[in-house]
């Protein structure tokens, strides 16, 4: 009867027979030469016949060894093929994904083709949501939310720490003294009116101005938009000064559409990966989750 020990020895035999070397077989299996030699010796004892002739210059298969190698090699190839086919079947189907509109538009969608190139049979159904508070957890598999990271009954992990800094078009920014509080009184502020759950309309600008010592500036002035990317586009058009998040603005700064006259401050919120307990047991969801987690460390 073939037991687990003999199965392991057959794998070692297949490698040694293919390489005609215990040393090269050990390197292939990531074990020691002695371990391969002992497994072959034990297998020969169990079978009752020699598999190799040990020669001064290496190994040679016996007639019995040649017959066994042909069968074992074919079986292992079939086994590997079957496992790969089953794993591929696990990595297909649909994932329901939610994220804030601005992050989708500015950060994730331009990168999503990379995931589809690696996993063409996984289809990501993407929805833009202003807040997960309005969405039932059962309605999505994974989500990215801009928040303080607290989700009752759900699991969350920090994905992107965020920074905040003012941006404007080059023409609008020219000639302004950004450190002078009186200059700020003349600026038109462009707001994301819903920066995080239950926030006041000017909450993000109020936070930033307090952080940089401009607490006397009226943060409620200006124009309001319900998405951060719309405020950024308005700034690029010369309407005023938007408060940008670092993850949403790289391309606009690189191309010169916008300038950032002041250094960033750390935001009170960040982008979090959110999901129900247990959903990562699904292989499809797990690979998308791992891919998302790796994105902040990847270039571009």
C-alpha atoms as a PDB file:
ATOM      1  CA  UNK A   1       0.000   0.000   0.000  1.00  0.00           C
ATOM      2  CA  UNK A   2       1.328   3.478  -0.882  1.00  0.00           C
ATOM      3  CA  UNK A   3       1.507   5.708   2.200  1.00  0.00           C
ATOM      4  CA  UNK A   4       2.544   9.362   2.671  1.00  0.00           C
ATOM      5  CA  UNK A   5       6.176   8.424   3.265  1.00  0.00           C
ATOM      6  CA  UNK A   6       6.389   6.468   0.013  1.00  0.00           C
ATOM      7  CA  UNK A   7       4.671   9.305  -1.882  1.00  0.00           C
ATOM      8  CA  UNK A   8       7.348  11.729  -0.645  1.00  0.00           C
ATOM      9  CA  UNK A   9      10.044   9.232  -1.639  1.00  0.00           C
ATOM     10  CA  UNK A  10       8.512   8.867  -5.107  1.00  0.00           C
ATOM     11  CA  UNK A  11       8.746  12.649  -5.587  1.00  0.00           C
ATOM     12  CA  UNK A  12      12.443  12.464  -4.613  1.00  0.00           C
ATOM     13  CA  UNK A  13      12.923   9.501  -6.958  1.00  0.00           C
ATOM     14  CA  UNK A  14      11.329  11.349  -9.874  1.00  0.00           C
ATOM     15  CA  UNK A  15      13.668  14.311  -9.337  1.00  0.00           C
ATOM     16  CA  UNK A  16      16.759  12.115  -8.959  1.00  0.00           C
ATOM     17  CA  UNK A  17      15.848  10.033 -12.013  1.00  0.00           C
ATOM     18  CA  UNK A  18      15.277  13.141 -14.089  1.00  0.00           C
ATOM     19  CA  UNK A  19      18.592  14.687 -13.032  1.00  0.00           C
ATOM     20  CA  UNK A  20      20.572  11.437 -12.608  1.00  0.00           C
ATOM     21  CA  UNK A  21      22.082  13.142  -9.588  1.00  0.00           C
ATOM     22  CA  UNK A  22      21.107  13.196  -5.928  1.00  0.00           C
ATOM     23  CA  UNK A  23      22.764  16.619  -5.547  1.00  0.00           C
ATOM     24  CA  UNK A  24      20.846  18.280  -8.386  1.00  0.00           C
ATOM     25  CA  UNK A  25      17.617  16.589  -7.246  1.00  0.00           C
ATOM     26  CA  UNK A  26      18.158  17.991  -3.742  1.00  0.00           C
ATOM     27  CA  UNK A  27      18.628  21.495  -5.160  1.00  0.00           C
ATOM     28  CA  UNK A  28      15.409  21.124  -7.155  1.00  0.00           C
ATOM     29  CA  UNK A  29      13.470  20.002  -4.084  1.00  0.00           C
ATOM     30  CA  UNK A  30      15.182  22.464  -1.744  1.00  0.00           C
ATOM     31  CA  UNK A  31      16.402  19.706   0.601  1.00  0.00           C
ATOM     32  CA  UNK A  32      19.803  18.219   1.408  1.00  0.00           C
ATOM     33  CA  UNK A  33      21.573  15.625  -0.736  1.00  0.00           C
ATOM     34  CA  UNK A  34      21.575  13.285   2.257  1.00  0.00           C
ATOM     35  CA  UNK A  35      17.800  13.550   2.576  1.00  0.00           C
ATOM     36  CA  UNK A  36      17.282  12.546  -1.078  1.00  0.00           C
ATOM     37  CA  UNK A  37      19.751   9.654  -0.742  1.00  0.00           C
ATOM     38  CA  UNK A  38      17.970   8.372   2.374  1.00  0.00           C
ATOM     39  CA  UNK A  39      14.541   8.603   0.723  1.00  0.00           C
ATOM     40  CA  UNK A  40      15.735   6.623  -2.307  1.00  0.00           C
ATOM     41  CA  UNK A  41      17.345   3.992  -0.080  1.00  0.00           C
ATOM     42  CA  UNK A  42      14.133   3.652   1.951  1.00  0.00           C
ATOM     43  CA  UNK A  43      12.048   3.419  -1.229  1.00  0.00           C
ATOM     44  CA  UNK A  44      14.264   0.652  -2.646  1.00  0.00           C
ATOM     45  CA  UNK A  45      13.923  -1.264   0.620  1.00  0.00           C
ATOM     46  CA  UNK A  46      10.139  -0.901   0.559  1.00  0.00           C
ATOM     47  CA  UNK A  47       9.890  -1.977  -3.083  1.00  0.00           C
ATOM     48  CA  UNK A  48      12.374  -4.832  -2.806  1.00  0.00           C
ATOM     49  CA  UNK A  49      14.495  -3.881  -5.849  1.00  0.00           C
ATOM     50  CA  UNK A  50      17.163  -1.356  -6.813  1.00  0.00           C
ATOM     51  CA  UNK A  51      16.177   1.757  -8.771  1.00  0.00           C
ATOM     52  CA  UNK A  52      19.678   3.068  -9.513  1.00  0.00           C
ATOM     53  CA  UNK A  53      23.094   1.698 -10.239  1.00  0.00           C
ATOM     54  CA  UNK A  54      25.553   3.822  -8.245  1.00  0.00           C
ATOM     55  CA  UNK A  55      28.473   4.478 -10.579  1.00  0.00           C
ATOM     56  CA  UNK A  56      31.754   6.358  -9.920  1.00  0.00           C
ATOM     57  CA  UNK A  57      30.623   9.160 -12.254  1.00  0.00           C
ATOM     58  CA  UNK A  58      26.970   9.326 -11.229  1.00  0.00           C
ATOM     59  CA  UNK A  59      23.726   7.367 -11.364  1.00  0.00           C
ATOM     60  CA  UNK A  60      22.140   5.071 -13.894  1.00  0.00           C
ATOM     61  CA  UNK A  61      18.564   3.830 -13.801  1.00  0.00           C
ATOM     62  CA  UNK A  62      18.041   0.109 -13.568  1.00  0.00           C
ATOM     63  CA  UNK A  63      15.466  -1.508 -15.859  1.00  0.00           C
ATOM     64  CA  UNK A  64      12.977  -1.411 -12.992  1.00  0.00           C
ATOM     65  CA  UNK A  65      13.875   2.210 -12.286  1.00  0.00           C
ATOM     66  CA  UNK A  66      13.246   3.184 -15.909  1.00  0.00           C
ATOM     67  CA  UNK A  67       9.771   1.645 -15.851  1.00  0.00           C
ATOM     68  CA  UNK A  68       8.888   3.258 -12.519  1.00  0.00           C
ATOM     69  CA  UNK A  69      10.241   6.664 -13.615  1.00  0.00           C
ATOM     70  CA  UNK A  70       8.061   6.671 -16.755  1.00  0.00           C
ATOM     71  CA  UNK A  71       4.916   6.070 -14.671  1.00  0.00           C
ATOM     72  CA  UNK A  72       5.784   8.392 -11.738  1.00  0.00           C
ATOM     73  CA  UNK A  73       6.872  11.242 -14.042  1.00  0.00           C
ATOM     74  CA  UNK A  74       3.609  11.047 -16.004  1.00  0.00           C
ATOM     75  CA  UNK A  75       1.520  10.872 -12.811  1.00  0.00           C
ATOM     76  CA  UNK A  76       3.222  13.905 -11.261  1.00  0.00           C
ATOM     77  CA  UNK A  77       2.722  15.908 -14.447  1.00  0.00           C
ATOM     78  CA  UNK A  78      -0.961  14.965 -14.442  1.00  0.00           C
ATOM     79  CA  UNK A  79      -1.231  15.876 -10.756  1.00  0.00           C
ATOM     80  CA  UNK A  80       0.401  19.295 -11.267  1.00  0.00           C
ATOM     81  CA  UNK A  81      -1.832  19.957 -14.255  1.00  0.00           C
ATOM     82  CA  UNK A  82      -4.945  19.025 -12.292  1.00  0.00           C
ATOM     83  CA  UNK A  83      -3.994  21.279  -9.355  1.00  0.00           C
ATOM     84  CA  UNK A  84      -3.302  24.230 -11.674  1.00  0.00           C
ATOM     85  CA  UNK A  85      -6.637  23.684 -13.419  1.00  0.00           C
ATOM     86  CA  UNK A  86      -8.511  23.598 -10.107  1.00  0.00           C
ATOM     87  CA  UNK A  87      -6.696  26.708  -8.855  1.00  0.00           C
ATOM     88  CA  UNK A  88      -7.572  28.511 -12.071  1.00  0.00           C
ATOM     89  CA  UNK A  89     -11.227  27.624 -11.577  1.00  0.00           C
ATOM     90  CA  UNK A  90     -11.048  29.253  -8.131  1.00  0.00           C
ATOM     91  CA  UNK A  91      -9.631  32.426  -9.671  1.00  0.00           C
ATOM     92  CA  UNK A  92     -12.544  33.279 -11.898  1.00  0.00           C
ATOM     93  CA  UNK A  93     -15.884  34.948 -11.429  1.00  0.00           C
ATOM     94  CA  UNK A  94     -17.041  38.313 -10.088  1.00  0.00           C
ATOM     95  CA  UNK A  95     -15.970  40.539  -7.210  1.00  0.00           C
ATOM     96  CA  UNK A  96     -18.187  43.365  -5.951  1.00  0.00           C
ATOM     97  CA  UNK A  97     -16.020  46.346  -5.077  1.00  0.00           C
ATOM     98  CA  UNK A  98     -16.928  49.745  -3.591  1.00  0.00           C
ATOM     99  CA  UNK A  99     -14.762  52.849  -3.258  1.00  0.00           C
ATOM    100  CA  UNK A 100     -14.993  56.595  -2.943  1.00  0.00           C
ATOM    101  CA  UNK A 101     -15.491  58.247  -6.374  1.00  0.00           C
ATOM    102  CA  UNK A 102     -12.384  60.452  -6.251  1.00  0.00           C
ATOM    103  CA  UNK A 103     -10.024  57.620  -5.352  1.00  0.00           C
ATOM    104  CA  UNK A 104     -11.514  55.428  -8.078  1.00  0.00           C
ATOM    105  CA  UNK A 105     -11.189  58.122 -10.725  1.00  0.00           C
ATOM    106  CA  UNK A 106      -7.760  59.485  -9.805  1.00  0.00           C
ATOM    107  CA  UNK A 107      -5.930  56.489  -8.286  1.00  0.00           C
ATOM    108  CA  UNK A 108      -7.436  53.045  -8.841  1.00  0.00           C
ATOM    109  CA  UNK A 109      -9.028  53.012 -12.299  1.00  0.00           C
ATOM    110  CA  UNK A 110      -5.757  54.058 -14.047  1.00  0.00           C
ATOM    111  CA  UNK A 111      -4.101  51.032 -12.415  1.00  0.00           C
ATOM    112  CA  UNK A 112      -6.874  48.449 -12.722  1.00  0.00           C
ATOM    113  CA  UNK A 113      -5.620  47.115 -16.065  1.00  0.00           C
ATOM    114  CA  UNK A 114      -2.645  45.598 -14.228  1.00  0.00           C
ATOM    115  CA  UNK A 115      -4.924  43.364 -12.178  1.00  0.00           C
ATOM    116  CA  UNK A 116      -6.902  42.253 -15.235  1.00  0.00           C
ATOM    117  CA  UNK A 117      -3.661  41.422 -17.053  1.00  0.00           C
ATOM    118  CA  UNK A 118      -2.697  39.033 -14.235  1.00  0.00           C
ATOM    119  CA  UNK A 119      -6.177  37.639 -13.524  1.00  0.00           C
ATOM    120  CA  UNK A 120      -8.194  37.915 -16.743  1.00  0.00           C
ATOM    121  CA  UNK A 121     -10.982  35.638 -15.510  1.00  0.00           C
ATOM    122  CA  UNK A 122     -11.767  37.685 -12.404  1.00  0.00           C
ATOM    123  CA  UNK A 123     -14.252  40.445 -13.177  1.00  0.00           C
ATOM    124  CA  UNK A 124     -14.336  43.381 -10.761  1.00  0.00           C
ATOM    125  CA  UNK A 125     -17.761  45.017 -10.566  1.00  0.00           C
ATOM    126  CA  UNK A 126     -16.820  48.524  -9.421  1.00  0.00           C
ATOM    127  CA  UNK A 127     -19.203  50.990  -7.751  1.00  0.00           C
ATOM    128  CA  UNK A 128     -18.502  54.553  -6.603  1.00  0.00           C
ATOM    129  CA  UNK A 129     -19.944  55.283  -3.160  1.00  0.00           C
ATOM    130  CA  UNK A 130     -19.548  58.478  -1.141  1.00  0.00           C
ATOM    131  CA  UNK A 131     -19.704  56.605   2.161  1.00  0.00           C
ATOM    132  CA  UNK A 132     -19.954  52.983   3.231  1.00  0.00           C
ATOM    133  CA  UNK A 133     -22.437  54.141   5.863  1.00  0.00           C
ATOM    134  CA  UNK A 134     -25.080  54.169   3.118  1.00  0.00           C
ATOM    135  CA  UNK A 135     -24.236  50.674   1.864  1.00  0.00           C
ATOM    136  CA  UNK A 136     -25.209  47.335   3.394  1.00  0.00           C
ATOM    137  CA  UNK A 137     -22.087  45.212   4.051  1.00  0.00           C
ATOM    138  CA  UNK A 138     -23.664  42.303   2.158  1.00  0.00           C
ATOM    139  CA  UNK A 139     -23.732  44.475  -0.993  1.00  0.00           C
ATOM    140  CA  UNK A 140     -19.944  44.336  -1.526  1.00  0.00           C
ATOM    141  CA  UNK A 141     -16.989  41.995  -1.065  1.00  0.00           C
ATOM    142  CA  UNK A 142     -14.274  44.624  -0.633  1.00  0.00           C
ATOM    143  CA  UNK A 143     -14.311  48.381  -0.239  1.00  0.00           C
ATOM    144  CA  UNK A 144     -11.955  51.332   0.161  1.00  0.00           C
ATOM    145  CA  UNK A 145     -13.237  54.149   2.351  1.00  0.00           C
ATOM    146  CA  UNK A 146     -11.793  57.502   3.462  1.00  0.00           C
ATOM    147  CA  UNK A 147     -12.352  57.623   7.196  1.00  0.00           C
ATOM    148  CA  UNK A 148     -10.939  57.300  10.710  1.00  0.00           C
ATOM    149  CA  UNK A 149     -10.868  53.506  10.278  1.00  0.00           C
ATOM    150  CA  UNK A 150     -13.665  52.511  12.650  1.00  0.00           C
ATOM    151  CA  UNK A 151     -16.254  50.058  11.261  1.00  0.00           C
ATOM    152  CA  UNK A 152     -18.525  48.187  13.627  1.00  0.00           C
ATOM    153  CA  UNK A 153     -18.898  44.522  12.696  1.00  0.00           C
ATOM    154  CA  UNK A 154     -16.425  44.816   9.810  1.00  0.00           C
ATOM    155  CA  UNK A 155     -12.688  44.335   9.442  1.00  0.00           C
ATOM    156  CA  UNK A 156     -10.506  47.186   8.187  1.00  0.00           C
ATOM    157  CA  UNK A 157      -6.845  47.714   7.365  1.00  0.00           C
ATOM    158  CA  UNK A 158      -4.959  50.910   6.617  1.00  0.00           C
ATOM    159  CA  UNK A 159      -4.251  51.068   2.881  1.00  0.00           C
ATOM    160  CA  UNK A 160      -3.130  54.643   2.171  1.00  0.00           C
ATOM    161  CA  UNK A 161      -2.094  57.177   4.797  1.00  0.00           C
ATOM    162  CA  UNK A 162      -3.083  60.576   3.456  1.00  0.00           C
ATOM    163  CA  UNK A 163      -1.674  64.090   3.344  1.00  0.00           C
ATOM    164  CA  UNK A 164      -3.362  67.418   2.625  1.00  0.00           C
ATOM    165  CA  UNK A 165      -2.042  70.544   0.898  1.00  0.00           C
ATOM    166  CA  UNK A 166      -3.506  73.448  -1.093  1.00  0.00           C
ATOM    167  CA  UNK A 167      -3.256  73.407  -4.893  1.00  0.00           C
ATOM    168  CA  UNK A 168      -4.067  75.972  -7.553  1.00  0.00           C
ATOM    169  CA  UNK A 169      -3.406  76.635 -11.212  1.00  0.00           C
ATOM    170  CA  UNK A 170      -0.032  78.289 -11.892  1.00  0.00           C
ATOM    171  CA  UNK A 171      -1.728  81.534 -12.963  1.00  0.00           C
ATOM    172  CA  UNK A 172      -3.927  81.678  -9.874  1.00  0.00           C
ATOM    173  CA  UNK A 173      -1.014  80.959  -7.541  1.00  0.00           C
ATOM    174  CA  UNK A 174       1.354  83.520  -9.088  1.00  0.00           C
ATOM    175  CA  UNK A 175       2.185  86.535  -6.921  1.00  0.00           C
ATOM    176  CA  UNK A 176       0.413  85.312  -3.776  1.00  0.00           C
ATOM    177  CA  UNK A 177       2.099  85.273  -0.367  1.00  0.00           C
ATOM    178  CA  UNK A 178       0.821  81.934   0.911  1.00  0.00           C
ATOM    179  CA  UNK A 179       2.236  82.475   4.390  1.00  0.00           C
ATOM    180  CA  UNK A 180       0.402  85.761   4.905  1.00  0.00           C
ATOM    181  CA  UNK A 181      -3.027  85.319   6.574  1.00  0.00           C
ATOM    182  CA  UNK A 182      -4.326  88.452   4.853  1.00  0.00           C
ATOM    183  CA  UNK A 183      -3.671  86.844   1.446  1.00  0.00           C
ATOM    184  CA  UNK A 184      -5.852  83.903   2.442  1.00  0.00           C
ATOM    185  CA  UNK A 185      -8.754  86.208   3.131  1.00  0.00           C
ATOM    186  CA  UNK A 186      -8.788  87.046  -0.589  1.00  0.00           C
ATOM    187  CA  UNK A 187      -8.596  83.465  -1.837  1.00  0.00           C
ATOM    188  CA  UNK A 188     -11.562  81.448  -3.064  1.00  0.00           C
ATOM    189  CA  UNK A 189     -11.564  78.113  -1.255  1.00  0.00           C
ATOM    190  CA  UNK A 190     -12.798  75.033  -3.135  1.00  0.00           C
ATOM    191  CA  UNK A 191     -14.297  72.398  -0.841  1.00  0.00           C
ATOM    192  CA  UNK A 192     -14.979  68.680  -0.858  1.00  0.00           C
ATOM    193  CA  UNK A 193     -18.219  69.119   1.073  1.00  0.00           C
ATOM    194  CA  UNK A 194     -18.333  65.443   2.152  1.00  0.00           C
ATOM    195  CA  UNK A 195     -14.743  64.564   3.007  1.00  0.00           C
ATOM    196  CA  UNK A 196     -15.658  61.874   5.524  1.00  0.00           C
ATOM    197  CA  UNK A 197     -18.708  60.491   7.285  1.00  0.00           C
ATOM    198  CA  UNK A 198     -20.744  63.079   9.236  1.00  0.00           C
ATOM    199  CA  UNK A 199     -18.224  65.854   8.487  1.00  0.00           C
ATOM    200  CA  UNK A 200     -19.218  69.511   8.249  1.00  0.00           C
ATOM    201  CA  UNK A 201     -18.945  70.967   4.765  1.00  0.00           C
ATOM    202  CA  UNK A 202     -15.764  72.931   5.528  1.00  0.00           C
ATOM    203  CA  UNK A 203     -14.265  70.311   7.898  1.00  0.00           C
ATOM    204  CA  UNK A 204     -11.239  69.431   5.784  1.00  0.00           C
ATOM    205  CA  UNK A 205     -10.217  73.048   5.141  1.00  0.00           C
ATOM    206  CA  UNK A 206     -10.829  73.877   8.830  1.00  0.00           C
ATOM    207  CA  UNK A 207      -8.537  71.027   9.870  1.00  0.00           C
ATOM    208  CA  UNK A 208      -5.792  72.084   7.443  1.00  0.00           C
ATOM    209  CA  UNK A 209      -5.834  75.792   8.361  1.00  0.00           C
ATOM    210  CA  UNK A 210      -5.640  74.960  12.064  1.00  0.00           C
ATOM    211  CA  UNK A 211      -2.691  72.625  11.414  1.00  0.00           C
ATOM    212  CA  UNK A 212      -0.637  75.303   9.617  1.00  0.00           C
ATOM    213  CA  UNK A 213      -1.337  78.121  12.053  1.00  0.00           C
ATOM    214  CA  UNK A 214      -3.956  79.924   9.972  1.00  0.00           C
ATOM    215  CA  UNK A 215      -6.802  79.408  12.391  1.00  0.00           C
ATOM    216  CA  UNK A 216      -8.042  82.952  11.873  1.00  0.00           C
ATOM    217  CA  UNK A 217      -8.894  82.345   8.217  1.00  0.00           C
ATOM    218  CA  UNK A 218     -12.595  81.852   7.464  1.00  0.00           C
ATOM    219  CA  UNK A 219     -12.772  78.258   6.264  1.00  0.00           C
ATOM    220  CA  UNK A 220     -16.413  78.406   5.165  1.00  0.00           C
ATOM    221  CA  UNK A 221     -15.852  80.760   2.227  1.00  0.00           C
ATOM    222  CA  UNK A 222     -15.804  79.584  -1.371  1.00  0.00           C
ATOM    223  CA  UNK A 223     -17.444  76.936  -3.554  1.00  0.00           C
ATOM    224  CA  UNK A 224     -18.565  73.456  -2.557  1.00  0.00           C
ATOM    225  CA  UNK A 225     -18.423  70.155  -4.457  1.00  0.00           C
ATOM    226  CA  UNK A 226     -19.536  66.716  -3.330  1.00  0.00           C
ATOM    227  CA  UNK A 227     -16.329  65.079  -4.637  1.00  0.00           C
ATOM    228  CA  UNK A 228     -12.668  65.885  -4.035  1.00  0.00           C
ATOM    229  CA  UNK A 229     -11.731  65.372  -7.695  1.00  0.00           C
ATOM    230  CA  UNK A 230     -14.295  67.973  -8.777  1.00  0.00           C
ATOM    231  CA  UNK A 231     -12.739  70.543  -6.448  1.00  0.00           C
ATOM    232  CA  UNK A 232      -9.330  69.696  -7.898  1.00  0.00           C
ATOM    233  CA  UNK A 233     -10.599  70.142 -11.461  1.00  0.00           C
ATOM    234  CA  UNK A 234     -12.097  73.491 -10.505  1.00  0.00           C
ATOM    235  CA  UNK A 235      -8.719  74.562  -9.132  1.00  0.00           C
ATOM    236  CA  UNK A 236      -7.010  73.516 -12.385  1.00  0.00           C
ATOM    237  CA  UNK A 237      -9.522  75.687 -14.249  1.00  0.00           C
ATOM    238  CA  UNK A 238      -8.505  78.706 -12.158  1.00  0.00           C
ATOM    239  CA  UNK A 239     -11.604  78.994  -9.964  1.00  0.00           C
ATOM    240  CA  UNK A 240      -9.705  79.014  -6.687  1.00  0.00           C
ATOM    241  CA  UNK A 241      -7.633  76.909  -4.271  1.00  0.00           C
ATOM    242  CA  UNK A 242      -8.515  73.276  -3.590  1.00  0.00           C
ATOM    243  CA  UNK A 243      -7.308  71.157  -0.698  1.00  0.00           C
ATOM    244  CA  UNK A 244      -5.714  68.156  -2.359  1.00  0.00           C
ATOM    245  CA  UNK A 245      -5.040  64.681  -1.017  1.00  0.00           C
ATOM    246  CA  UNK A 246      -1.629  63.371  -1.975  1.00  0.00           C
ATOM    247  CA  UNK A 247      -2.906  60.143  -3.504  1.00  0.00           C
ATOM    248  CA  UNK A 248      -5.175  62.024  -5.921  1.00  0.00           C
ATOM    249  CA  UNK A 249      -2.865  64.688  -7.277  1.00  0.00           C
ATOM    250  CA  UNK A 250       0.500  63.273  -8.451  1.00  0.00           C
ATOM    251  CA  UNK A 251      -0.207  63.443 -12.185  1.00  0.00           C
ATOM    252  CA  UNK A 252      -1.569  66.988 -12.044  1.00  0.00           C
ATOM    253  CA  UNK A 253       1.542  68.191 -10.215  1.00  0.00           C
ATOM    254  CA  UNK A 254       3.898  66.357 -12.570  1.00  0.00           C
ATOM    255  CA  UNK A 255       2.273  67.837 -15.667  1.00  0.00           C
ATOM    256  CA  UNK A 256       2.150  71.352 -14.177  1.00  0.00           C
ATOM    257  CA  UNK A 257      -1.644  71.686 -14.331  1.00  0.00           C
ATOM    258  CA  UNK A 258      -1.506  72.470 -10.628  1.00  0.00           C
ATOM    259  CA  UNK A 259       1.103  73.782  -8.221  1.00  0.00           C
ATOM    260  CA  UNK A 260       1.421  73.133  -4.493  1.00  0.00           C
ATOM    261  CA  UNK A 261       2.869  76.237  -2.806  1.00  0.00           C
ATOM    262  CA  UNK A 262       2.928  74.846   0.747  1.00  0.00           C
ATOM    263  CA  UNK A 263       4.181  71.569   2.257  1.00  0.00           C
ATOM    264  CA  UNK A 264       1.675  68.834   3.155  1.00  0.00           C
ATOM    265  CA  UNK A 265       0.257  68.005   6.561  1.00  0.00           C
ATOM    266  CA  UNK A 266      -0.883  64.577   7.696  1.00  0.00           C
ATOM    267  CA  UNK A 267      -4.624  64.145   7.262  1.00  0.00           C
ATOM    268  CA  UNK A 268      -6.823  63.167  10.173  1.00  0.00           C
ATOM    269  CA  UNK A 269      -8.289  60.444   7.915  1.00  0.00           C
ATOM    270  CA  UNK A 270      -6.859  57.810   5.585  1.00  0.00           C
ATOM    271  CA  UNK A 271      -8.014  55.241   3.033  1.00  0.00           C
ATOM    272  CA  UNK A 272      -8.936  51.879   4.563  1.00  0.00           C
ATOM    273  CA  UNK A 273      -9.613  48.476   3.040  1.00  0.00           C
ATOM    274  CA  UNK A 274     -12.894  47.230   4.487  1.00  0.00           C
ATOM    275  CA  UNK A 275     -14.616  43.833   4.315  1.00  0.00           C
ATOM    276  CA  UNK A 276     -16.861  41.462   6.205  1.00  0.00           C
ATOM    277  CA  UNK A 277     -15.226  38.815   8.408  1.00  0.00           C
ATOM    278  CA  UNK A 278     -14.471  35.626   6.483  1.00  0.00           C
ATOM    279  CA  UNK A 279     -14.682  36.940   2.914  1.00  0.00           C
ATOM    280  CA  UNK A 280     -10.929  36.569   2.384  1.00  0.00           C
ATOM    281  CA  UNK A 281     -11.369  32.793   2.475  1.00  0.00           C
ATOM    282  CA  UNK A 282     -12.611  33.178  -1.112  1.00  0.00           C
ATOM    283  CA  UNK A 283      -9.527  32.867  -3.348  1.00  0.00           C
ATOM    284  CA  UNK A 284     -10.835  35.408  -5.876  1.00  0.00           C
ATOM    285  CA  UNK A 285     -11.377  38.057  -3.239  1.00  0.00           C
ATOM    286  CA  UNK A 286      -8.066  37.269  -1.564  1.00  0.00           C
ATOM    287  CA  UNK A 287      -5.962  37.858  -4.683  1.00  0.00           C
ATOM    288  CA  UNK A 288      -7.702  41.200  -5.337  1.00  0.00           C
ATOM    289  CA  UNK A 289      -7.241  42.162  -1.681  1.00  0.00           C
ATOM    290  CA  UNK A 290      -3.523  41.291  -1.807  1.00  0.00           C
ATOM    291  CA  UNK A 291      -3.133  43.189  -5.079  1.00  0.00           C
ATOM    292  CA  UNK A 292      -4.769  46.288  -3.586  1.00  0.00           C
ATOM    293  CA  UNK A 293      -2.542  46.097  -0.510  1.00  0.00           C
ATOM    294  CA  UNK A 294       0.563  45.989  -2.702  1.00  0.00           C
ATOM    295  CA  UNK A 295      -0.441  48.984  -4.852  1.00  0.00           C
ATOM    296  CA  UNK A 296       0.865  51.754  -2.551  1.00  0.00           C
ATOM    297  CA  UNK A 297       4.332  50.144  -2.678  1.00  0.00           C
ATOM    298  CA  UNK A 298       4.341  49.780  -6.464  1.00  0.00           C
ATOM    299  CA  UNK A 299       5.560  52.539  -8.739  1.00  0.00           C
ATOM    300  CA  UNK A 300       3.111  54.651 -10.718  1.00  0.00           C
END
